[in-house]
Amino acid sequence: MTSIRHCLALDLKDDATLISEYIDYHKPENAWPQITQNMRELGIIDMEIYHVGNRLFMIMETELDFDPNAEPESEEGRRLSDEWENLMWQYQKPLPWAKSGEKWVKMEKIYDLKKAI
């Protein structure tokens, strides 16, 4: 195994306007270049986010030594990361079972076709 797949969930505030704005921020043409660079520098190989209603589902492929708590390498990267997180928190709401301050919650895999008989 050369990478790890992480599956995470998060809710958005249940407001159509806010959800639309959140989706717009995540369009490729609106991605903040420094945030994308930060993710790559921290060991995120690939990431996809899916949406239904006000629920989000993220599939993230990372390097084996990925640390979700690591900070971006540069001062500008840290500053923009904090700015991005504060902006996104205006749209996001924690899942009911999330720990205090936790946004994205790791999901548990319950089925794998490759392992089924």
PDB file of N, CA and C in Angstrom:
ATOM      1  N   MET A   1       0.845  -1.186   0.000  1.00  0.00           N
ATOM      2  CA  MET A   1       0.000   0.000   0.000  1.00  0.00           C
ATOM      3  C   MET A   1       0.884   1.241   0.000  1.00  0.00           C
ATOM      4  N   THR A   2       0.626   2.142  -0.922  1.00  0.00           N
ATOM      5  CA  THR A   2       1.425   3.362  -1.022  1.00  0.00           C
ATOM      6  C   THR A   2       0.647   4.605  -0.616  1.00  0.00           C
ATOM      7  N   SER A   3      -0.657   4.446  -0.346  1.00  0.00           N
ATOM      8  CA  SER A   3      -1.471   5.577   0.084  1.00  0.00           C
ATOM      9  C   SER A   3      -2.611   5.068   0.955  1.00  0.00           C
ATOM     10  N   ILE A   4      -3.286   5.997   1.589  1.00  0.00           N
ATOM     11  CA  ILE A   4      -4.418   5.674   2.460  1.00  0.00           C
ATOM     12  C   ILE A   4      -5.624   6.472   1.988  1.00  0.00           C
ATOM     13  N   ARG A   5      -6.787   5.816   1.953  1.00  0.00           N
ATOM     14  CA  ARG A   5      -8.034   6.492   1.607  1.00  0.00           C
ATOM     15  C   ARG A   5      -8.763   6.830   2.900  1.00  0.00           C
ATOM     16  N   HIS A   6      -9.178   8.090   3.014  1.00  0.00           N
ATOM     17  CA  HIS A   6      -9.948   8.563   4.153  1.00  0.00           C
ATOM     18  C   HIS A   6     -11.329   8.968   3.636  1.00  0.00           C
ATOM     19  N   CYS A   7     -12.375   8.573   4.322  1.00  0.00           N
ATOM     20  CA  CYS A   7     -13.737   8.974   3.978  1.00  0.00           C
ATOM     21  C   CYS A   7     -14.300   9.736   5.166  1.00  0.00           C
ATOM     22  N   LEU A   8     -14.754  10.965   4.903  1.00  0.00           N
ATOM     23  CA  LEU A   8     -15.196  11.840   5.981  1.00  0.00           C
ATOM     24  C   LEU A   8     -16.533  12.482   5.625  1.00  0.00           C
ATOM     25  N   ALA A   9     -17.269  12.873   6.655  1.00  0.00           N
ATOM     26  CA  ALA A   9     -18.571  13.517   6.448  1.00  0.00           C
ATOM     27  C   ALA A   9     -18.642  14.808   7.250  1.00  0.00           C
ATOM     28  N   LEU A  10     -19.474  15.715   6.764  1.00  0.00           N
ATOM     29  CA  LEU A  10     -19.706  17.004   7.402  1.00  0.00           C
ATOM     30  C   LEU A  10     -21.041  17.530   6.908  1.00  0.00           C
ATOM     31  N   ASP A  11     -21.721  18.298   7.722  1.00  0.00           N
ATOM     32  CA  ASP A  11     -22.962  18.939   7.294  1.00  0.00           C
ATOM     33  C   ASP A  11     -22.719  20.417   7.037  1.00  0.00           C
ATOM     34  N   LEU A  12     -23.548  20.961   6.155  1.00  0.00           N
ATOM     35  CA  LEU A  12     -23.596  22.399   5.938  1.00  0.00           C
ATOM     36  C   LEU A  12     -24.831  22.936   6.648  1.00  0.00           C
ATOM     37  N   LYS A  13     -24.818  24.212   6.942  1.00  0.00           N
ATOM     38  CA  LYS A  13     -26.020  24.841   7.465  1.00  0.00           C
ATOM     39  C   LYS A  13     -27.122  24.654   6.426  1.00  0.00           C
ATOM     40  N   ASP A  14     -28.306  24.313   6.879  1.00  0.00           N
ATOM     41  CA  ASP A  14     -29.391  23.952   5.966  1.00  0.00           C
ATOM     42  C   ASP A  14     -30.063  25.197   5.402  1.00  0.00           C
ATOM     43  N   ASP A  15     -29.333  25.878   4.509  1.00  0.00           N
ATOM     44  CA  ASP A  15     -29.786  27.112   3.890  1.00  0.00           C
ATOM     45  C   ASP A  15     -29.335  27.068   2.431  1.00  0.00           C
ATOM     46  N   ALA A  16     -30.290  27.105   1.506  1.00  0.00           N
ATOM     47  CA  ALA A  16     -29.982  26.934   0.080  1.00  0.00           C
ATOM     48  C   ALA A  16     -28.961  27.951  -0.430  1.00  0.00           C
ATOM     49  N   THR A  17     -29.064  29.183   0.015  1.00  0.00           N
ATOM     50  CA  THR A  17     -28.119  30.215  -0.434  1.00  0.00           C
ATOM     51  C   THR A  17     -26.712  29.909   0.057  1.00  0.00           C
ATOM     52  N   LEU A  18     -26.576  29.557   1.326  1.00  0.00           N
ATOM     53  CA  LEU A  18     -25.262  29.233   1.875  1.00  0.00           C
ATOM     54  C   LEU A  18     -24.676  27.997   1.202  1.00  0.00           C
ATOM     55  N   ILE A  19     -25.503  26.995   0.962  1.00  0.00           N
ATOM     56  CA  ILE A  19     -25.018  25.777   0.301  1.00  0.00           C
ATOM     57  C   ILE A  19     -24.511  26.105  -1.099  1.00  0.00           C
ATOM     58  N   SER A  20     -25.250  26.929  -1.828  1.00  0.00           N
ATOM     59  CA  SER A  20     -24.832  27.330  -3.177  1.00  0.00           C
ATOM     60  C   SER A  20     -23.499  28.084  -3.136  1.00  0.00           C
ATOM     61  N   GLU A  21     -23.343  28.989  -2.179  1.00  0.00           N
ATOM     62  CA  GLU A  21     -22.085  29.731  -2.033  1.00  0.00           C
ATOM     63  C   GLU A  21     -20.932  28.781  -1.723  1.00  0.00           C
ATOM     64  N   TYR A  22     -21.171  27.827  -0.832  1.00  0.00           N
ATOM     65  CA  TYR A  22     -20.140  26.867  -0.449  1.00  0.00           C
ATOM     66  C   TYR A  22     -19.687  26.069  -1.670  1.00  0.00           C
ATOM     67  N   ILE A  23     -20.660  25.602  -2.458  1.00  0.00           N
ATOM     68  CA  ILE A  23     -20.335  24.841  -3.671  1.00  0.00           C
ATOM     69  C   ILE A  23     -19.527  25.711  -4.636  1.00  0.00           C
ATOM     70  N   ASP A  24     -19.908  26.976  -4.778  1.00  0.00           N
ATOM     71  CA  ASP A  24     -19.161  27.876  -5.663  1.00  0.00           C
ATOM     72  C   ASP A  24     -17.703  28.013  -5.231  1.00  0.00           C
ATOM     73  N   TYR A  25     -17.453  28.108  -3.920  1.00  0.00           N
ATOM     74  CA  TYR A  25     -16.073  28.213  -3.434  1.00  0.00           C
ATOM     75  C   TYR A  25     -15.247  26.988  -3.825  1.00  0.00           C
ATOM     76  N   HIS A  26     -15.903  25.852  -4.037  1.00  0.00           N
ATOM     77  CA  HIS A  26     -15.182  24.616  -4.312  1.00  0.00           C
ATOM     78  C   HIS A  26     -15.088  24.263  -5.793  1.00  0.00           C
ATOM     79  N   LYS A  27     -15.567  25.138  -6.646  1.00  0.00           N
ATOM     80  CA  LYS A  27     -15.392  24.917  -8.088  1.00  0.00           C
ATOM     81  C   LYS A  27     -13.910  25.104  -8.424  1.00  0.00           C
ATOM     82  N   PRO A  28     -13.400  24.319  -9.380  1.00  0.00           N
ATOM     83  CA  PRO A  28     -11.964  24.402  -9.703  1.00  0.00           C
ATOM     84  C   PRO A  28     -11.477  25.826  -9.993  1.00  0.00           C
ATOM     85  N   GLU A  29     -12.277  26.616 -10.691  1.00  0.00           N
ATOM     86  CA  GLU A  29     -11.848  27.969 -11.033  1.00  0.00           C
ATOM     87  C   GLU A  29     -11.834  28.913  -9.828  1.00  0.00           C
ATOM     88  N   ASN A  30     -12.457  28.501  -8.721  1.00  0.00           N
ATOM     89  CA  ASN A  30     -12.495  29.349  -7.522  1.00  0.00           C
ATOM     90  C   ASN A  30     -11.577  28.845  -6.413  1.00  0.00           C
ATOM     91  N   ALA A  31     -10.897  27.744  -6.647  1.00  0.00           N
ATOM     92  CA  ALA A  31     -10.012  27.185  -5.616  1.00  0.00           C
ATOM     93  C   ALA A  31      -8.887  28.172  -5.309  1.00  0.00           C
ATOM     94  N   TRP A  32      -8.603  28.331  -4.045  1.00  0.00           N
ATOM     95  CA  TRP A  32      -7.501  29.196  -3.638  1.00  0.00           C
ATOM     96  C   TRP A  32      -6.192  28.441  -3.906  1.00  0.00           C
ATOM     97  N   PRO A  33      -5.326  28.963  -4.775  1.00  0.00           N
ATOM     98  CA  PRO A  33      -4.091  28.252  -5.127  1.00  0.00           C
ATOM     99  C   PRO A  33      -3.238  27.864  -3.913  1.00  0.00           C
ATOM    100  N   GLN A  34      -3.137  28.733  -2.927  1.00  0.00           N
ATOM    101  CA  GLN A  34      -2.306  28.417  -1.761  1.00  0.00           C
ATOM    102  C   GLN A  34      -2.901  27.264  -0.955  1.00  0.00           C
ATOM    103  N   ILE A  35      -4.225  27.174  -0.893  1.00  0.00           N
ATOM    104  CA  ILE A  35      -4.861  26.079  -0.158  1.00  0.00           C
ATOM    105  C   ILE A  35      -4.585  24.765  -0.877  1.00  0.00           C
ATOM    106  N   THR A  36      -4.694  24.775  -2.201  1.00  0.00           N
ATOM    107  CA  THR A  36      -4.384  23.585  -2.991  1.00  0.00           C
ATOM    108  C   THR A  36      -2.925  23.187  -2.790  1.00  0.00           C
ATOM    109  N   GLN A  37      -2.031  24.165  -2.809  1.00  0.00           N
ATOM    110  CA  GLN A  37      -0.603  23.890  -2.590  1.00  0.00           C
ATOM    111  C   GLN A  37      -0.380  23.332  -1.191  1.00  0.00           C
ATOM    112  N   ASN A  38      -1.024  23.936  -0.186  1.00  0.00           N
ATOM    113  CA  ASN A  38      -0.891  23.443   1.192  1.00  0.00           C
ATOM    114  C   ASN A  38      -1.262  21.963   1.264  1.00  0.00           C
ATOM    115  N   MET A  39      -2.397  21.601   0.660  1.00  0.00           N
ATOM    116  CA  MET A  39      -2.857  20.207   0.725  1.00  0.00           C
ATOM    117  C   MET A  39      -1.821  19.273   0.115  1.00  0.00           C
ATOM    118  N   ARG A  40      -1.284  19.649  -1.019  1.00  0.00           N
ATOM    119  CA  ARG A  40      -0.279  18.797  -1.673  1.00  0.00           C
ATOM    120  C   ARG A  40       0.990  18.694  -0.829  1.00  0.00           C
ATOM    121  N   GLU A  41       1.434  19.811  -0.257  1.00  0.00           N
ATOM    122  CA  GLU A  41       2.648  19.799   0.576  1.00  0.00           C
ATOM    123  C   GLU A  41       2.460  18.944   1.823  1.00  0.00           C
ATOM    124  N   LEU A  42       1.235  18.879   2.343  1.00  0.00           N
ATOM    125  CA  LEU A  42       0.966  18.120   3.566  1.00  0.00           C
ATOM    126  C   LEU A  42       0.739  16.633   3.308  1.00  0.00           C
ATOM    127  N   GLY A  43       0.726  16.231   2.031  1.00  0.00           N
ATOM    128  CA  GLY A  43       0.629  14.806   1.729  1.00  0.00           C
ATOM    129  C   GLY A  43      -0.717  14.342   1.218  1.00  0.00           C
ATOM    130  N   ILE A  44      -1.583  15.269   0.812  1.00  0.00           N
ATOM    131  CA  ILE A  44      -2.847  14.876   0.207  1.00  0.00           C
ATOM    132  C   ILE A  44      -2.595  14.675  -1.283  1.00  0.00           C
ATOM    133  N   ILE A  45      -2.838  13.462  -1.731  1.00  0.00           N
ATOM    134  CA  ILE A  45      -2.588  13.091  -3.120  1.00  0.00           C
ATOM    135  C   ILE A  45      -3.793  13.435  -3.991  1.00  0.00           C
ATOM    136  N   ASP A  46      -4.969  13.149  -3.477  1.00  0.00           N
ATOM    137  CA  ASP A  46      -6.200  13.406  -4.225  1.00  0.00           C
ATOM    138  C   ASP A  46      -7.331  13.642  -3.232  1.00  0.00           C
ATOM    139  N   MET A  47      -8.325  14.412  -3.661  1.00  0.00           N
ATOM    140  CA  MET A  47      -9.471  14.694  -2.797  1.00  0.00           C
ATOM    141  C   MET A  47     -10.687  14.945  -3.677  1.00  0.00           C
ATOM    142  N   GLU A  48     -11.801  14.365  -3.269  1.00  0.00           N
ATOM    143  CA  GLU A  48     -13.087  14.626  -3.913  1.00  0.00           C
ATOM    144  C   GLU A  48     -14.100  14.904  -2.813  1.00  0.00           C
ATOM    145  N   ILE A  49     -15.003  15.863  -3.054  1.00  0.00           N
ATOM    146  CA  ILE A  49     -16.079  16.152  -2.113  1.00  0.00           C
ATOM    147  C   ILE A  49     -17.393  16.014  -2.869  1.00  0.00           C
ATOM    148  N   TYR A  50     -18.310  15.265  -2.266  1.00  0.00           N
ATOM    149  CA  TYR A  50     -19.642  15.054  -2.834  1.00  0.00           C
ATOM    150  C   TYR A  50     -20.669  15.709  -1.924  1.00  0.00           C
ATOM    151  N   HIS A  51     -21.828  16.034  -2.510  1.00  0.00           N
ATOM    152  CA  HIS A  51     -22.850  16.785  -1.782  1.00  0.00           C
ATOM    153  C   HIS A  51     -24.230  16.218  -2.067  1.00  0.00           C
ATOM    154  N   VAL A  52     -25.063  16.124  -1.047  1.00  0.00           N
ATOM    155  CA  VAL A  52     -26.480  15.811  -1.189  1.00  0.00           C
ATOM    156  C   VAL A  52     -27.206  16.532  -0.048  1.00  0.00           C
ATOM    157  N   GLY A  53     -28.237  17.292  -0.397  1.00  0.00           N
ATOM    158  CA  GLY A  53     -28.926  18.076   0.638  1.00  0.00           C
ATOM    159  C   GLY A  53     -27.934  19.007   1.304  1.00  0.00           C
ATOM    160  N   ASN A  54     -27.809  18.880   2.621  1.00  0.00           N
ATOM    161  CA  ASN A  54     -26.805  19.682   3.327  1.00  0.00           C
ATOM    162  C   ASN A  54     -25.654  18.809   3.857  1.00  0.00           C
ATOM    163  N   ARG A  55     -25.545  17.585   3.350  1.00  0.00           N
ATOM    164  CA  ARG A  55     -24.491  16.665   3.777  1.00  0.00           C
ATOM    165  C   ARG A  55     -23.373  16.638   2.758  1.00  0.00           C
ATOM    166  N   LEU A  56     -22.137  16.617   3.249  1.00  0.00           N
ATOM    167  CA  LEU A  56     -20.944  16.500   2.420  1.00  0.00           C
ATOM    168  C   LEU A  56     -20.239  15.186   2.734  1.00  0.00           C
ATOM    169  N   PHE A  57     -19.635  14.602   1.717  1.00  0.00           N
ATOM    170  CA  PHE A  57     -18.856  13.383   1.854  1.00  0.00           C
ATOM    171  C   PHE A  57     -17.532  13.600   1.132  1.00  0.00           C
ATOM    172  N   MET A  58     -16.432  13.393   1.824  1.00  0.00           N
ATOM    173  CA  MET A  58     -15.109  13.602   1.249  1.00  0.00           C
ATOM    174  C   MET A  58     -14.360  12.280   1.155  1.00  0.00           C
ATOM    175  N   ILE A  59     -13.757  12.060   0.000  1.00  0.00           N
ATOM    176  CA  ILE A  59     -12.826  10.952  -0.180  1.00  0.00           C
ATOM    177  C   ILE A  59     -11.458  11.591  -0.386  1.00  0.00           C
ATOM    178  N   MET A  60     -10.527  11.236   0.472  1.00  0.00           N
ATOM    179  CA  MET A  60      -9.205  11.842   0.426  1.00  0.00           C
ATOM    180  C   MET A  60      -8.163  10.724   0.408  1.00  0.00           C
ATOM    181  N   GLU A  61      -7.272  10.788  -0.566  1.00  0.00           N
ATOM    182  CA  GLU A  61      -6.168   9.848  -0.648  1.00  0.00           C
ATOM    183  C   GLU A  61      -4.909  10.576  -0.199  1.00  0.00           C
ATOM    184  N   THR A  62      -4.207   9.977   0.753  1.00  0.00           N
ATOM    185  CA  THR A  62      -3.026  10.639   1.310  1.00  0.00           C
ATOM    186  C   THR A  62      -1.816   9.712   1.313  1.00  0.00           C
ATOM    187  N   GLU A  63      -0.676  10.344   1.484  1.00  0.00           N
ATOM    188  CA  GLU A  63       0.547   9.586   1.703  1.00  0.00           C
ATOM    189  C   GLU A  63       0.421   8.859   3.039  1.00  0.00           C
ATOM    190  N   LEU A  64       1.205   7.814   3.209  1.00  0.00           N
ATOM    191  CA  LEU A  64       1.117   6.992   4.416  1.00  0.00           C
ATOM    192  C   LEU A  64       1.385   7.781   5.692  1.00  0.00           C
ATOM    193  N   ASP A  65       2.289   8.751   5.634  1.00  0.00           N
ATOM    194  CA  ASP A  65       2.661   9.508   6.829  1.00  0.00           C
ATOM    195  C   ASP A  65       1.853  10.795   7.000  1.00  0.00           C
ATOM    196  N   PHE A  66       0.733  10.913   6.312  1.00  0.00           N
ATOM    197  CA  PHE A  66      -0.116  12.110   6.392  1.00  0.00           C
ATOM    198  C   PHE A  66      -0.560  12.355   7.834  1.00  0.00           C
ATOM    199  N   ASP A  67      -0.422  13.607   8.266  1.00  0.00           N
ATOM    200  CA  ASP A  67      -0.862  14.028   9.601  1.00  0.00           C
ATOM    201  C   ASP A  67      -1.925  15.103   9.422  1.00  0.00           C
ATOM    202  N   PRO A  68      -3.193  14.801   9.729  1.00  0.00           N
ATOM    203  CA  PRO A  68      -4.255  15.786   9.517  1.00  0.00           C
ATOM    204  C   PRO A  68      -4.119  17.033  10.397  1.00  0.00           C
ATOM    205  N   ASN A  69      -3.275  16.963  11.407  1.00  0.00           N
ATOM    206  CA  ASN A  69      -3.082  18.106  12.298  1.00  0.00           C
ATOM    207  C   ASN A  69      -1.842  18.928  11.964  1.00  0.00           C
ATOM    208  N   ALA A  70      -1.111  18.514  10.947  1.00  0.00           N
ATOM    209  CA  ALA A  70       0.090  19.259  10.549  1.00  0.00           C
ATOM    210  C   ALA A  70      -0.307  20.617   9.978  1.00  0.00           C
ATOM    211  N   GLU A  71       0.547  21.595  10.200  1.00  0.00           N
ATOM    212  CA  GLU A  71       0.293  22.943   9.686  1.00  0.00           C
ATOM    213  C   GLU A  71       1.022  23.142   8.359  1.00  0.00           C
ATOM    214  N   PRO A  72       0.499  24.013   7.506  1.00  0.00           N
ATOM    215  CA  PRO A  72       1.189  24.325   6.254  1.00  0.00           C
ATOM    216  C   PRO A  72       2.625  24.791   6.508  1.00  0.00           C
ATOM    217  N   GLU A  73       3.467  24.574   5.516  1.00  0.00           N
ATOM    218  CA  GLU A  73       4.893  24.845   5.659  1.00  0.00           C
ATOM    219  C   GLU A  73       5.226  26.327   5.785  1.00  0.00           C
ATOM    220  N   SER A  74       4.607  27.163   4.970  1.00  0.00           N
ATOM    221  CA  SER A  74       4.974  28.576   4.941  1.00  0.00           C
ATOM    222  C   SER A  74       4.068  29.421   5.837  1.00  0.00           C
ATOM    223  N   GLU A  75       4.565  30.588   6.201  1.00  0.00           N
ATOM    224  CA  GLU A  75       3.759  31.526   6.992  1.00  0.00           C
ATOM    225  C   GLU A  75       2.513  31.941   6.215  1.00  0.00           C
ATOM    226  N   GLU A  76       2.690  32.222   4.912  1.00  0.00           N
ATOM    227  CA  GLU A  76       1.540  32.590   4.082  1.00  0.00           C
ATOM    228  C   GLU A  76       0.549  31.431   4.003  1.00  0.00           C
ATOM    229  N   GLY A  77       1.070  30.211   3.885  1.00  0.00           N
ATOM    230  CA  GLY A  77       0.213  29.036   3.833  1.00  0.00           C
ATOM    231  C   GLY A  77      -0.605  28.878   5.096  1.00  0.00           C
ATOM    232  N   ARG A  78       0.021  29.112   6.250  1.00  0.00           N
ATOM    233  CA  ARG A  78      -0.690  29.019   7.539  1.00  0.00           C
ATOM    234  C   ARG A  78      -1.740  30.117   7.653  1.00  0.00           C
ATOM    235  N   ARG A  79      -1.378  31.334   7.242  1.00  0.00           N
ATOM    236  CA  ARG A  79      -2.315  32.460   7.321  1.00  0.00           C
ATOM    237  C   ARG A  79      -3.540  32.224   6.440  1.00  0.00           C
ATOM    238  N   LEU A  80      -3.306  31.810   5.203  1.00  0.00           N
ATOM    239  CA  LEU A  80      -4.423  31.577   4.281  1.00  0.00           C
ATOM    240  C   LEU A  80      -5.239  30.346   4.682  1.00  0.00           C
ATOM    241  N   SER A  81      -4.582  29.350   5.254  1.00  0.00           N
ATOM    242  CA  SER A  81      -5.305  28.176   5.739  1.00  0.00           C
ATOM    243  C   SER A  81      -6.270  28.578   6.854  1.00  0.00           C
ATOM    244  N   ASP A  82      -5.792  29.400   7.780  1.00  0.00           N
ATOM    245  CA  ASP A  82      -6.660  29.890   8.863  1.00  0.00           C
ATOM    246  C   ASP A  82      -7.810  30.726   8.292  1.00  0.00           C
ATOM    247  N   GLU A  83      -7.500  31.564   7.321  1.00  0.00           N
ATOM    248  CA  GLU A  83      -8.530  32.399   6.692  1.00  0.00           C
ATOM    249  C   GLU A  83      -9.574  31.522   5.993  1.00  0.00           C
ATOM    250  N   TRP A  84      -9.113  30.502   5.271  1.00  0.00           N
ATOM    251  CA  TRP A  84     -10.017  29.587   4.574  1.00  0.00           C
ATOM    252  C   TRP A  84     -10.911  28.839   5.568  1.00  0.00           C
ATOM    253  N   GLU A  85     -10.307  28.313   6.618  1.00  0.00           N
ATOM    254  CA  GLU A  85     -11.081  27.550   7.610  1.00  0.00           C
ATOM    255  C   GLU A  85     -12.127  28.435   8.287  1.00  0.00           C
ATOM    256  N   ASN A  86     -11.766  29.658   8.620  1.00  0.00           N
ATOM    257  CA  ASN A  86     -12.729  30.579   9.225  1.00  0.00           C
ATOM    258  C   ASN A  86     -13.864  30.904   8.268  1.00  0.00           C
ATOM    259  N   LEU A  87     -13.541  31.094   6.992  1.00  0.00           N
ATOM    260  CA  LEU A  87     -14.562  31.361   5.987  1.00  0.00           C
ATOM    261  C   LEU A  87     -15.490  30.158   5.836  1.00  0.00           C
ATOM    262  N   MET A  88     -14.929  28.961   5.722  1.00  0.00           N
ATOM    263  CA  MET A  88     -15.742  27.764   5.517  1.00  0.00           C
ATOM    264  C   MET A  88     -16.622  27.455   6.726  1.00  0.00           C
ATOM    265  N   TRP A  89     -16.146  27.804   7.919  1.00  0.00           N
ATOM    266  CA  TRP A  89     -16.924  27.521   9.139  1.00  0.00           C
ATOM    267  C   TRP A  89     -18.238  28.314   9.141  1.00  0.00           C
ATOM    268  N   GLN A  90     -18.308  29.375   8.361  1.00  0.00           N
ATOM    269  CA  GLN A  90     -19.557  30.136   8.247  1.00  0.00           C
ATOM    270  C   GLN A  90     -20.639  29.311   7.555  1.00  0.00           C
ATOM    271  N   TYR A  91     -20.250  28.313   6.781  1.00  0.00           N
ATOM    272  CA  TYR A  91     -21.177  27.474   6.018  1.00  0.00           C
ATOM    273  C   TYR A  91     -21.392  26.104   6.668  1.00  0.00           C
ATOM    274  N   GLN A  92     -20.417  25.657   7.412  1.00  0.00           N
ATOM    275  CA  GLN A  92     -20.417  24.299   7.940  1.00  0.00           C
ATOM    276  C   GLN A  92     -21.052  24.235   9.321  1.00  0.00           C
ATOM    277  N   LYS A  93     -21.579  23.055   9.637  1.00  0.00           N
ATOM    278  CA  LYS A  93     -22.025  22.793  11.004  1.00  0.00           C
ATOM    279  C   LYS A  93     -21.595  21.381  11.355  1.00  0.00           C
ATOM    280  N   PRO A  94     -21.181  21.173  12.565  1.00  0.00           N
ATOM    281  CA  PRO A  94     -20.687  19.842  12.931  1.00  0.00           C
ATOM    282  C   PRO A  94     -21.812  18.816  12.947  1.00  0.00           C
ATOM    283  N   LEU A  95     -21.450  17.596  12.657  1.00  0.00           N
ATOM    284  CA  LEU A  95     -22.402  16.504  12.795  1.00  0.00           C
ATOM    285  C   LEU A  95     -22.775  16.375  14.274  1.00  0.00           C
ATOM    286  N   PRO A  96     -23.969  15.888  14.569  1.00  0.00           N
ATOM    287  CA  PRO A  96     -24.414  15.820  15.975  1.00  0.00           C
ATOM    288  C   PRO A  96     -23.474  15.038  16.883  1.00  0.00           C
ATOM    289  N   TRP A  97     -22.770  14.073  16.355  1.00  0.00           N
ATOM    290  CA  TRP A  97     -21.885  13.237  17.164  1.00  0.00           C
ATOM    291  C   TRP A  97     -20.422  13.673  17.084  1.00  0.00           C
ATOM    292  N   ALA A  98     -20.145  14.795  16.442  1.00  0.00           N
ATOM    293  CA  ALA A  98     -18.765  15.289  16.340  1.00  0.00           C
ATOM    294  C   ALA A  98     -18.275  15.770  17.703  1.00  0.00           C
ATOM    295  N   LYS A  99     -16.986  15.623  17.922  1.00  0.00           N
ATOM    296  CA  LYS A  99     -16.369  16.148  19.138  1.00  0.00           C
ATOM    297  C   LYS A  99     -16.323  17.669  19.051  1.00  0.00           C
ATOM    298  N   SER A 100     -16.188  18.323  20.157  1.00  0.00           N
ATOM    299  CA  SER A 100     -16.127  19.782  20.195  1.00  0.00           C
ATOM    300  C   SER A 100     -15.006  20.290  19.282  1.00  0.00           C
ATOM    301  N   GLY A 101     -15.343  21.220  18.381  1.00  0.00           N
ATOM    302  CA  GLY A 101     -14.372  21.797  17.474  1.00  0.00           C
ATOM    303  C   GLY A 101     -14.063  20.945  16.254  1.00  0.00           C
ATOM    304  N   GLU A 102     -14.620  19.748  16.179  1.00  0.00           N
ATOM    305  CA  GLU A 102     -14.357  18.842  15.062  1.00  0.00           C
ATOM    306  C   GLU A 102     -15.283  19.177  13.897  1.00  0.00           C
ATOM    307  N   LYS A 103     -14.706  19.245  12.706  1.00  0.00           N
ATOM    308  CA  LYS A 103     -15.490  19.498  11.505  1.00  0.00           C
ATOM    309  C   LYS A 103     -15.745  18.177  10.802  1.00  0.00           C
ATOM    310  N   TRP A 104     -14.849  17.806   9.934  1.00  0.00           N
ATOM    311  CA  TRP A 104     -14.986  16.572   9.177  1.00  0.00           C
ATOM    312  C   TRP A 104     -14.820  15.383  10.110  1.00  0.00           C
ATOM    313  N   VAL A 105     -15.756  14.436  10.043  1.00  0.00           N
ATOM    314  CA  VAL A 105     -15.735  13.257  10.905  1.00  0.00           C
ATOM    315  C   VAL A 105     -15.424  12.032  10.053  1.00  0.00           C
ATOM    316  N   LYS A 106     -14.455  11.257  10.507  1.00  0.00           N
ATOM    317  CA  LYS A 106     -14.058  10.049   9.787  1.00  0.00           C
ATOM    318  C   LYS A 106     -15.198   9.041   9.798  1.00  0.00           C
ATOM    319  N   MET A 107     -15.461   8.477   8.622  1.00  0.00           N
ATOM    320  CA  MET A 107     -16.512   7.471   8.479  1.00  0.00           C
ATOM    321  C   MET A 107     -15.894   6.079   8.583  1.00  0.00           C
ATOM    322  N   GLU A 108     -16.672   5.131   9.055  1.00  0.00           N
ATOM    323  CA  GLU A 108     -16.228   3.754   9.198  1.00  0.00           C
ATOM    324  C   GLU A 108     -16.688   2.949   7.986  1.00  0.00           C
ATOM    325  N   LYS A 109     -15.748   2.237   7.371  1.00  0.00           N
ATOM    326  CA  LYS A 109     -16.104   1.384   6.237  1.00  0.00           C
ATOM    327  C   LYS A 109     -16.837   0.168   6.773  1.00  0.00           C
ATOM    328  N   ILE A 110     -18.018  -0.101   6.198  1.00  0.00           N
ATOM    329  CA  ILE A 110     -18.798  -1.254   6.642  1.00  0.00           C
ATOM    330  C   ILE A 110     -18.963  -2.312   5.564  1.00  0.00           C
ATOM    331  N   TYR A 111     -18.536  -2.037   4.337  1.00  0.00           N
ATOM    332  CA  TYR A 111     -18.657  -3.011   3.254  1.00  0.00           C
ATOM    333  C   TYR A 111     -17.529  -2.807   2.258  1.00  0.00           C
ATOM    334  N   ASP A 112     -17.030  -3.919   1.738  1.00  0.00           N
ATOM    335  CA  ASP A 112     -15.988  -3.892   0.722  1.00  0.00           C
ATOM    336  C   ASP A 112     -16.262  -5.017  -0.269  1.00  0.00           C
ATOM    337  N   LEU A 113     -16.648  -4.666  -1.482  1.00  0.00           N
ATOM    338  CA  LEU A 113     -16.996  -5.652  -2.509  1.00  0.00           C
ATOM    339  C   LEU A 113     -15.852  -6.643  -2.733  1.00  0.00           C
ATOM    340  N   LYS A 114     -14.618  -6.151  -2.690  1.00  0.00           N
ATOM    341  CA  LYS A 114     -13.459  -7.015  -2.952  1.00  0.00           C
ATOM    342  C   LYS A 114     -13.336  -8.126  -1.907  1.00  0.00           C
ATOM    343  N   LYS A 115     -13.873  -7.892  -0.725  1.00  0.00           N
ATOM    344  CA  LYS A 115     -13.774  -8.887   0.345  1.00  0.00           C
ATOM    345  C   LYS A 115     -15.034  -9.736   0.491  1.00  0.00           C
ATOM    346  N   ALA A 116     -16.052  -9.410  -0.296  1.00  0.00           N
ATOM    347  CA  ALA A 116     -17.299 -10.182  -0.223  1.00  0.00           C
ATOM    348  C   ALA A 116     -17.137 -11.519  -0.951  1.00  0.00           C
ATOM    349  N   ILE A 117     -17.807 -12.507  -0.487  1.00  0.00           N
ATOM    350  CA  ILE A 117     -17.731 -13.854  -1.085  1.00  0.00           C
ATOM    351  C   ILE A 117     -18.526 -13.909  -2.363  1.00  0.00           C
TER     352      ILE A 117
END
